[in-house]
């Protein structure tokens, strides 16, 4: 079983852009410093608190082929900006 660290190393910035689009990617970059308590689970999921207008719990599954699934407690679930922030923050840890 591959670890999330090896899956993250395979990602390139273009994967994130393709997944989220330019607008959400830029918004997510603005939240990277707001990511707190990032953890990695055994099933290749990142879990973190993202501090915005409220504290949000965000989880992001990162698959071996650059696939993503995420959930967030924010009201804008479809946007993905907090998920992008979590992935970018994980690159820096």
N, C-alpha and C. Protein backbone atom coordinates (compact mmCIF):
# COMPACT_ATOMS: atom_id res chain seq x y z
N UNK A 1 0.84 -1.18 0.00
CA UNK A 1 0.00 0.00 0.00
C UNK A 1 0.89 1.25 0.00
N UNK A 2 0.62 2.13 -0.90
CA UNK A 2 1.38 3.36 -0.96
C UNK A 2 0.88 4.33 0.09
N UNK A 3 1.80 5.12 0.60
CA UNK A 3 1.43 6.09 1.61
C UNK A 3 0.99 7.39 0.97
N UNK A 4 0.32 8.19 1.75
CA UNK A 4 -0.13 9.48 1.24
C UNK A 4 1.06 10.37 0.88
N UNK A 5 2.17 10.22 1.59
CA UNK A 5 3.35 11.02 1.27
C UNK A 5 3.84 10.74 -0.15
N UNK A 6 3.85 9.47 -0.55
CA UNK A 6 4.29 9.16 -1.91
C UNK A 6 3.28 9.65 -2.93
N UNK A 7 1.99 9.59 -2.60
CA UNK A 7 0.97 10.12 -3.52
C UNK A 7 1.11 11.62 -3.66
N UNK A 8 1.37 12.31 -2.56
CA UNK A 8 1.54 13.76 -2.63
C UNK A 8 2.76 14.15 -3.45
N UNK A 9 3.84 13.37 -3.34
CA UNK A 9 5.06 13.68 -4.11
C UNK A 9 4.80 13.58 -5.61
N UNK A 10 3.87 12.72 -6.03
CA UNK A 10 3.59 12.55 -7.46
C UNK A 10 2.74 13.69 -8.02
N UNK A 11 2.07 14.42 -7.14
CA UNK A 11 1.22 15.50 -7.62
C UNK A 11 2.06 16.66 -8.13
N UNK A 12 1.56 17.32 -9.11
CA UNK A 12 2.16 18.57 -9.56
C UNK A 12 1.09 19.64 -9.49
N UNK A 13 1.53 20.87 -9.51
CA UNK A 13 0.62 21.98 -9.37
C UNK A 13 -0.49 21.94 -10.43
N UNK A 14 -0.16 21.47 -11.62
CA UNK A 14 -1.16 21.39 -12.69
C UNK A 14 -2.29 20.44 -12.35
N UNK A 15 -2.02 19.38 -11.56
CA UNK A 15 -3.10 18.49 -11.13
C UNK A 15 -4.12 19.26 -10.30
N UNK A 16 -3.61 20.10 -9.39
CA UNK A 16 -4.51 20.88 -8.55
C UNK A 16 -5.31 21.87 -9.39
N UNK A 17 -4.66 22.50 -10.35
CA UNK A 17 -5.35 23.45 -11.23
C UNK A 17 -6.44 22.74 -12.04
N UNK A 18 -6.11 21.57 -12.56
CA UNK A 18 -7.09 20.80 -13.34
C UNK A 18 -8.28 20.40 -12.47
N UNK A 19 -7.99 20.01 -11.25
CA UNK A 19 -9.03 19.57 -10.32
C UNK A 19 -9.93 20.71 -9.88
N UNK A 20 -9.33 21.84 -9.51
CA UNK A 20 -10.11 22.91 -8.89
C UNK A 20 -10.39 24.10 -9.80
N UNK A 21 -9.59 24.30 -10.82
CA UNK A 21 -9.72 25.49 -11.66
C UNK A 21 -8.89 26.63 -11.09
N UNK A 22 -8.62 27.61 -11.91
CA UNK A 22 -7.74 28.71 -11.53
C UNK A 22 -8.27 29.53 -10.36
N UNK A 23 -9.55 29.85 -10.37
CA UNK A 23 -10.12 30.71 -9.33
C UNK A 23 -10.05 30.06 -7.96
N UNK A 24 -10.48 28.81 -7.85
CA UNK A 24 -10.47 28.11 -6.57
C UNK A 24 -9.04 27.83 -6.13
N UNK A 25 -8.15 27.53 -7.06
CA UNK A 25 -6.75 27.31 -6.72
C UNK A 25 -6.16 28.56 -6.07
N UNK A 26 -6.43 29.71 -6.65
CA UNK A 26 -5.91 30.95 -6.08
C UNK A 26 -6.52 31.23 -4.70
N UNK A 27 -7.80 30.97 -4.55
CA UNK A 27 -8.43 31.15 -3.24
C UNK A 27 -7.83 30.20 -2.21
N UNK A 28 -7.62 28.96 -2.61
CA UNK A 28 -7.02 27.98 -1.71
C UNK A 28 -5.62 28.36 -1.27
N UNK A 29 -4.84 28.92 -2.19
CA UNK A 29 -3.49 29.36 -1.84
C UNK A 29 -3.52 30.40 -0.74
N UNK A 30 -4.57 31.20 -0.71
CA UNK A 30 -4.71 32.22 0.31
C UNK A 30 -5.02 31.67 1.69
N UNK A 31 -5.42 30.42 1.77
CA UNK A 31 -5.77 29.80 3.06
C UNK A 31 -4.68 28.89 3.60
N UNK A 32 -3.58 28.70 2.91
CA UNK A 32 -2.55 27.75 3.34
C UNK A 32 -2.05 28.06 4.75
N UNK A 33 -1.83 29.31 5.06
CA UNK A 33 -1.34 29.67 6.39
C UNK A 33 -2.41 29.51 7.47
N UNK A 34 -3.65 29.27 7.06
CA UNK A 34 -4.74 29.07 8.00
C UNK A 34 -4.96 27.60 8.33
N UNK A 35 -4.20 26.72 7.70
CA UNK A 35 -4.34 25.28 7.94
C UNK A 35 -3.65 24.93 9.25
N UNK A 36 -4.37 24.23 10.11
CA UNK A 36 -3.87 23.89 11.43
C UNK A 36 -4.17 22.43 11.73
N UNK A 37 -3.32 21.81 12.51
CA UNK A 37 -3.54 20.44 12.98
C UNK A 37 -3.71 19.44 11.84
N UNK A 38 -2.84 19.51 10.87
CA UNK A 38 -2.94 18.59 9.73
C UNK A 38 -2.47 17.21 10.17
N UNK A 39 -3.22 16.20 9.75
CA UNK A 39 -2.89 14.82 10.07
C UNK A 39 -3.11 13.96 8.84
N UNK A 40 -2.43 12.84 8.82
CA UNK A 40 -2.57 11.88 7.73
C UNK A 40 -3.13 10.59 8.30
N UNK A 41 -4.13 10.04 7.66
CA UNK A 41 -4.72 8.79 8.13
C UNK A 41 -4.16 7.63 7.32
N UNK A 42 -4.43 6.43 7.77
CA UNK A 42 -3.93 5.23 7.09
C UNK A 42 -4.55 5.01 5.72
N UNK A 43 -5.70 5.60 5.46
CA UNK A 43 -6.37 5.39 4.17
C UNK A 43 -6.09 6.52 3.18
N UNK A 44 -4.91 7.16 3.30
CA UNK A 44 -4.47 8.22 2.38
C UNK A 44 -5.37 9.45 2.40
N UNK A 45 -5.80 9.82 3.58
CA UNK A 45 -6.62 11.02 3.73
C UNK A 45 -5.89 12.02 4.62
N UNK A 46 -5.92 13.27 4.19
CA UNK A 46 -5.42 14.37 5.00
C UNK A 46 -6.61 14.95 5.74
N UNK A 47 -6.42 15.27 7.00
CA UNK A 47 -7.48 15.88 7.80
C UNK A 47 -6.86 17.08 8.50
N UNK A 48 -7.55 18.22 8.45
CA UNK A 48 -7.02 19.43 9.07
C UNK A 48 -8.14 20.37 9.45
N UNK A 49 -7.79 21.28 10.34
CA UNK A 49 -8.67 22.41 10.65
C UNK A 49 -8.18 23.57 9.79
N UNK A 50 -9.11 24.24 9.15
CA UNK A 50 -8.79 25.42 8.36
C UNK A 50 -9.53 26.59 9.00
N UNK A 51 -8.78 27.60 9.34
CA UNK A 51 -9.35 28.75 10.02
C UNK A 51 -9.76 29.79 8.98
N UNK A 52 -11.06 30.05 8.92
CA UNK A 52 -11.60 31.05 8.01
C UNK A 52 -12.48 31.98 8.82
N UNK A 53 -13.64 32.32 8.31
CA UNK A 53 -14.58 33.11 9.10
C UNK A 53 -15.04 32.30 10.31
N UNK A 54 -14.91 30.99 10.22
CA UNK A 54 -15.11 30.04 11.32
C UNK A 54 -14.01 28.98 11.18
N UNK A 55 -13.93 28.06 12.12
CA UNK A 55 -13.01 26.93 11.99
C UNK A 55 -13.74 25.83 11.23
N UNK A 56 -13.09 25.31 10.18
CA UNK A 56 -13.68 24.27 9.35
C UNK A 56 -12.83 23.01 9.43
N UNK A 57 -13.48 21.87 9.46
CA UNK A 57 -12.77 20.60 9.39
C UNK A 57 -12.83 20.15 7.93
N UNK A 58 -11.65 19.90 7.38
CA UNK A 58 -11.55 19.54 5.97
C UNK A 58 -10.77 18.24 5.85
N UNK A 59 -11.27 17.33 5.06
CA UNK A 59 -10.53 16.10 4.78
C UNK A 59 -10.39 15.94 3.27
N UNK A 60 -9.23 15.44 2.87
CA UNK A 60 -8.94 15.27 1.45
C UNK A 60 -8.30 13.90 1.26
N UNK A 61 -8.94 13.06 0.45
CA UNK A 61 -8.36 11.79 0.06
C UNK A 61 -7.52 12.05 -1.18
N UNK A 62 -6.28 11.57 -1.16
CA UNK A 62 -5.39 11.72 -2.31
C UNK A 62 -5.05 10.33 -2.81
N UNK A 63 -5.53 10.01 -3.99
CA UNK A 63 -5.30 8.69 -4.55
C UNK A 63 -3.98 8.57 -5.28
N UNK A 64 -3.63 7.36 -5.65
CA UNK A 64 -2.37 7.08 -6.32
C UNK A 64 -2.27 7.71 -7.71
N UNK A 65 -3.39 7.97 -8.33
CA UNK A 65 -3.40 8.51 -9.69
C UNK A 65 -3.70 10.01 -9.71
N UNK A 66 -3.53 10.67 -8.58
CA UNK A 66 -3.81 12.10 -8.53
C UNK A 66 -5.28 12.42 -8.37
N UNK A 67 -6.08 11.43 -8.00
CA UNK A 67 -7.51 11.67 -7.82
C UNK A 67 -7.75 12.21 -6.41
N UNK A 68 -8.80 12.98 -6.28
CA UNK A 68 -9.13 13.64 -5.02
C UNK A 68 -10.58 13.41 -4.66
N UNK A 69 -10.83 13.32 -3.39
CA UNK A 69 -12.18 13.39 -2.84
C UNK A 69 -12.04 14.22 -1.58
N UNK A 70 -12.97 15.09 -1.33
CA UNK A 70 -12.83 15.93 -0.14
C UNK A 70 -14.18 16.19 0.49
N UNK A 71 -14.11 16.58 1.75
CA UNK A 71 -15.30 17.07 2.45
C UNK A 71 -14.85 18.21 3.35
N UNK A 72 -15.76 19.10 3.63
CA UNK A 72 -15.46 20.27 4.44
C UNK A 72 -16.73 20.70 5.15
N UNK A 73 -16.58 21.21 6.35
CA UNK A 73 -17.74 21.65 7.11
C UNK A 73 -18.17 23.06 6.74
N UNK A 74 -17.50 23.69 5.79
CA UNK A 74 -17.92 25.04 5.38
C UNK A 74 -19.20 24.96 4.54
N UNK A 75 -19.87 26.07 4.42
CA UNK A 75 -21.13 26.10 3.67
C UNK A 75 -20.91 26.09 2.16
N UNK A 76 -19.67 26.28 1.73
CA UNK A 76 -19.35 26.31 0.30
C UNK A 76 -18.64 25.03 -0.12
N UNK A 77 -19.20 23.89 0.23
CA UNK A 77 -18.56 22.60 -0.01
C UNK A 77 -18.10 22.44 -1.45
N UNK A 78 -18.86 22.87 -2.38
CA UNK A 78 -18.51 22.69 -3.78
C UNK A 78 -17.31 23.48 -4.25
N UNK A 79 -16.86 24.44 -3.47
CA UNK A 79 -15.76 25.28 -3.95
C UNK A 79 -14.42 24.59 -3.88
N UNK A 80 -14.10 23.90 -2.79
CA UNK A 80 -12.83 23.18 -2.68
C UNK A 80 -11.64 24.01 -2.23
N UNK A 81 -11.84 25.29 -1.92
CA UNK A 81 -10.69 26.13 -1.56
C UNK A 81 -10.00 25.66 -0.29
N UNK A 82 -10.75 25.16 0.67
CA UNK A 82 -10.13 24.67 1.90
C UNK A 82 -9.37 23.36 1.63
N UNK A 83 -9.90 22.54 0.75
CA UNK A 83 -9.22 21.29 0.38
C UNK A 83 -7.90 21.58 -0.32
N UNK A 84 -7.90 22.55 -1.21
CA UNK A 84 -6.66 22.96 -1.89
C UNK A 84 -5.65 23.43 -0.86
N UNK A 85 -6.10 24.22 0.10
CA UNK A 85 -5.19 24.72 1.14
C UNK A 85 -4.57 23.57 1.93
N UNK A 86 -5.36 22.56 2.25
CA UNK A 86 -4.86 21.41 3.01
C UNK A 86 -3.79 20.67 2.20
N UNK A 87 -4.03 20.43 0.91
CA UNK A 87 -3.05 19.74 0.08
C UNK A 87 -1.77 20.56 -0.02
N UNK A 88 -1.88 21.85 -0.26
CA UNK A 88 -0.69 22.70 -0.35
C UNK A 88 0.07 22.74 0.96
N UNK A 89 -0.64 22.79 2.07
CA UNK A 89 0.02 22.78 3.37
C UNK A 89 0.73 21.45 3.61
N UNK A 90 0.15 20.36 3.15
CA UNK A 90 0.77 19.04 3.33
C UNK A 90 2.08 18.95 2.55
N UNK A 91 2.15 19.62 1.40
CA UNK A 91 3.39 19.64 0.62
C UNK A 91 4.52 20.28 1.43
N UNK A 92 4.15 21.22 2.29
CA UNK A 92 5.14 21.99 3.04
C UNK A 92 5.51 21.35 4.37
N UNK A 93 4.92 20.19 4.69
CA UNK A 93 5.22 19.57 5.99
C UNK A 93 6.13 18.37 5.81
